[in-house]
Amino acid sequence: MLDIISMITLLFFLIGLPLMLIIIGGGNKTKEEQELEDEEQIKYLKEYKNKKNKKILFWKGK
């Protein structure tokens, strides 16, 4: 029984803890990085909307 608990604890410290630290620390972006990412997302959404509208118009026959 102690071996199972020891293995689970070891796995948590070897895998879980570093993964949690990476996830928590990965969200730190500068203001410039966040603005650039926002601009890229807006551009992508506009292009996606245009493509979607073109497909709808194509299938409607206009």
N, C-alpha and C. Protein backbone atom coordinates (compact mmCIF):
# COMPACT_ATOMS: atom_id res chain seq x y z
N MET A 1 0.83 -1.19 0.00
CA MET A 1 0.00 0.00 0.00
C MET A 1 0.87 1.25 0.00
N LEU A 2 1.91 1.24 0.76
CA LEU A 2 2.79 2.39 0.83
C LEU A 2 3.50 2.62 -0.50
N ASP A 3 3.77 1.53 -1.22
CA ASP A 3 4.43 1.67 -2.52
C ASP A 3 3.53 2.41 -3.52
N ILE A 4 2.24 2.11 -3.51
CA ILE A 4 1.31 2.77 -4.43
C ILE A 4 1.21 4.25 -4.12
N ILE A 5 1.09 4.58 -2.85
CA ILE A 5 1.02 5.99 -2.44
C ILE A 5 2.31 6.71 -2.81
N SER A 6 3.43 6.07 -2.60
CA SER A 6 4.72 6.67 -2.95
C SER A 6 4.83 6.91 -4.45
N MET A 7 4.38 5.94 -5.26
CA MET A 7 4.45 6.10 -6.71
C MET A 7 3.53 7.21 -7.19
N ILE A 8 2.34 7.30 -6.63
CA ILE A 8 1.40 8.37 -7.02
C ILE A 8 1.97 9.73 -6.65
N THR A 9 2.54 9.83 -5.47
CA THR A 9 3.15 11.09 -5.04
C THR A 9 4.32 11.46 -5.94
N LEU A 10 5.15 10.49 -6.28
CA LEU A 10 6.28 10.73 -7.16
C LEU A 10 5.83 11.19 -8.54
N LEU A 11 4.81 10.53 -9.08
CA LEU A 11 4.28 10.93 -10.39
C LEU A 11 3.73 12.34 -10.36
N PHE A 12 3.04 12.69 -9.27
CA PHE A 12 2.51 14.04 -9.15
C PHE A 12 3.64 15.07 -9.18
N PHE A 13 4.69 14.82 -8.43
CA PHE A 13 5.79 15.78 -8.37
C PHE A 13 6.59 15.83 -9.67
N LEU A 14 6.69 14.71 -10.37
CA LEU A 14 7.46 14.69 -11.62
C LEU A 14 6.67 15.21 -12.81
N ILE A 15 5.36 15.00 -12.83
CA ILE A 15 4.56 15.38 -13.99
C ILE A 15 3.59 16.51 -13.66
N GLY A 16 2.82 16.34 -12.63
CA GLY A 16 1.74 17.28 -12.32
C GLY A 16 2.21 18.65 -11.89
N LEU A 17 3.15 18.70 -11.00
CA LEU A 17 3.61 19.99 -10.49
C LEU A 17 4.26 20.85 -11.57
N PRO A 18 5.20 20.33 -12.36
CA PRO A 18 5.77 21.16 -13.43
C PRO A 18 4.71 21.61 -14.45
N LEU A 19 3.76 20.72 -14.75
CA LEU A 19 2.71 21.08 -15.70
C LEU A 19 1.86 22.22 -15.16
N MET A 20 1.52 22.16 -13.89
CA MET A 20 0.74 23.24 -13.29
C MET A 20 1.52 24.55 -13.28
N LEU A 21 2.79 24.50 -13.01
CA LEU A 21 3.60 25.72 -13.00
C LEU A 21 3.71 26.31 -14.40
N ILE A 22 3.81 25.47 -15.42
CA ILE A 22 3.87 25.97 -16.80
C ILE A 22 2.56 26.64 -17.18
N ILE A 23 1.44 26.03 -16.82
CA ILE A 23 0.13 26.60 -17.15
C ILE A 23 -0.07 27.93 -16.44
N ILE A 24 0.26 28.00 -15.19
CA ILE A 24 0.08 29.24 -14.43
C ILE A 24 1.00 30.35 -14.95
N GLY A 25 2.24 30.02 -15.24
CA GLY A 25 3.21 31.02 -15.68
C GLY A 25 3.11 31.38 -17.15
N GLY A 26 2.34 30.62 -17.93
CA GLY A 26 2.27 30.86 -19.37
C GLY A 26 1.37 32.01 -19.76
N GLY A 27 0.60 32.55 -18.85
CA GLY A 27 -0.35 33.60 -19.18
C GLY A 27 0.20 35.01 -19.08
N ASN A 28 1.46 35.17 -18.77
CA ASN A 28 2.03 36.50 -18.60
C ASN A 28 2.44 37.06 -19.95
N LYS A 29 1.66 37.99 -20.48
CA LYS A 29 1.97 38.62 -21.76
C LYS A 29 2.10 40.12 -21.54
N THR A 30 2.97 40.71 -22.32
CA THR A 30 3.08 42.16 -22.24
C THR A 30 1.90 42.78 -22.96
N LYS A 31 1.71 44.07 -22.77
CA LYS A 31 0.59 44.77 -23.39
C LYS A 31 0.71 44.71 -24.91
N GLU A 32 1.93 44.84 -25.44
CA GLU A 32 2.14 44.80 -26.88
C GLU A 32 1.80 43.43 -27.45
N GLU A 33 2.20 42.37 -26.75
CA GLU A 33 1.89 41.02 -27.20
C GLU A 33 0.38 40.77 -27.22
N GLN A 34 -0.31 41.25 -26.20
CA GLN A 34 -1.75 41.06 -26.13
C GLN A 34 -2.45 41.84 -27.24
N GLU A 35 -2.00 43.08 -27.52
CA GLU A 35 -2.60 43.87 -28.59
C GLU A 35 -2.37 43.21 -29.95
N LEU A 36 -1.16 42.69 -30.18
CA LEU A 36 -0.86 42.01 -31.44
C LEU A 36 -1.74 40.77 -31.60
N GLU A 37 -1.90 40.01 -30.54
CA GLU A 37 -2.73 38.82 -30.60
C GLU A 37 -4.19 39.19 -30.87
N ASP A 38 -4.67 40.26 -30.24
CA ASP A 38 -6.04 40.72 -30.47
C ASP A 38 -6.24 41.11 -31.93
N GLU A 39 -5.28 41.84 -32.51
CA GLU A 39 -5.37 42.25 -33.90
C GLU A 39 -5.40 41.04 -34.83
N GLU A 40 -4.58 40.03 -34.54
CA GLU A 40 -4.55 38.82 -35.36
C GLU A 40 -5.89 38.09 -35.28
N GLN A 41 -6.47 38.03 -34.10
CA GLN A 41 -7.76 37.36 -33.95
C GLN A 41 -8.86 38.11 -34.69
N ILE A 42 -8.86 39.44 -34.63
CA ILE A 42 -9.86 40.24 -35.34
C ILE A 42 -9.73 40.03 -36.84
N LYS A 43 -8.50 40.02 -37.33
CA LYS A 43 -8.25 39.80 -38.76
C LYS A 43 -8.76 38.43 -39.19
N TYR A 44 -8.46 37.42 -38.40
CA TYR A 44 -8.90 36.06 -38.72
C TYR A 44 -10.43 35.98 -38.75
N LEU A 45 -11.08 36.58 -37.75
CA LEU A 45 -12.54 36.52 -37.69
C LEU A 45 -13.19 37.24 -38.86
N LYS A 46 -12.60 38.36 -39.30
CA LYS A 46 -13.14 39.07 -40.47
C LYS A 46 -13.00 38.23 -41.73
N GLU A 47 -11.84 37.59 -41.90
CA GLU A 47 -11.63 36.74 -43.07
C GLU A 47 -12.57 35.53 -43.03
N TYR A 48 -12.76 34.96 -41.86
CA TYR A 48 -13.66 33.82 -41.73
C TYR A 48 -15.09 34.21 -42.09
N LYS A 49 -15.50 35.38 -41.62
CA LYS A 49 -16.86 35.85 -41.91
C LYS A 49 -17.03 36.08 -43.41
N ASN A 50 -16.03 36.65 -44.07
CA ASN A 50 -16.11 36.87 -45.51
C ASN A 50 -16.19 35.55 -46.27
N LYS A 51 -15.39 34.56 -45.89
CA LYS A 51 -15.43 33.26 -46.54
C LYS A 51 -16.79 32.59 -46.35
N LYS A 52 -17.32 32.71 -45.15
CA LYS A 52 -18.61 32.11 -44.85
C LYS A 52 -19.71 32.76 -45.69
N ASN A 53 -19.67 34.08 -45.81
CA ASN A 53 -20.66 34.79 -46.62
C ASN A 53 -20.56 34.41 -48.09
N LYS A 54 -19.33 34.24 -48.60
CA LYS A 54 -19.15 33.84 -49.99
C LYS A 54 -19.72 32.46 -50.25
N LYS A 55 -19.53 31.54 -49.31
CA LYS A 55 -20.09 30.19 -49.47
C LYS A 55 -21.61 30.23 -49.49
N ILE A 56 -22.20 31.04 -48.60
CA ILE A 56 -23.66 31.15 -48.55
C ILE A 56 -24.17 31.72 -49.86
N LEU A 57 -23.54 32.78 -50.37
CA LEU A 57 -23.98 33.38 -51.62
C LEU A 57 -23.81 32.41 -52.79
N PHE A 58 -22.76 31.62 -52.77
CA PHE A 58 -22.53 30.64 -53.85
C PHE A 58 -23.64 29.60 -53.89
N TRP A 59 -24.02 29.09 -52.72
CA TRP A 59 -25.04 28.05 -52.67
C TRP A 59 -26.44 28.60 -52.91
N LYS A 60 -26.65 29.89 -52.66
CA LYS A 60 -27.94 30.50 -52.95
C LYS A 60 -28.07 30.84 -54.44
N GLY A 61 -26.95 30.86 -55.14
CA GLY A 61 -26.98 31.11 -56.58
C GLY A 61 -26.95 32.58 -56.94
N LYS A 62 -26.46 33.40 -56.05
CA LYS A 62 -26.41 34.85 -56.33
C LYS A 62 -25.04 35.26 -56.77
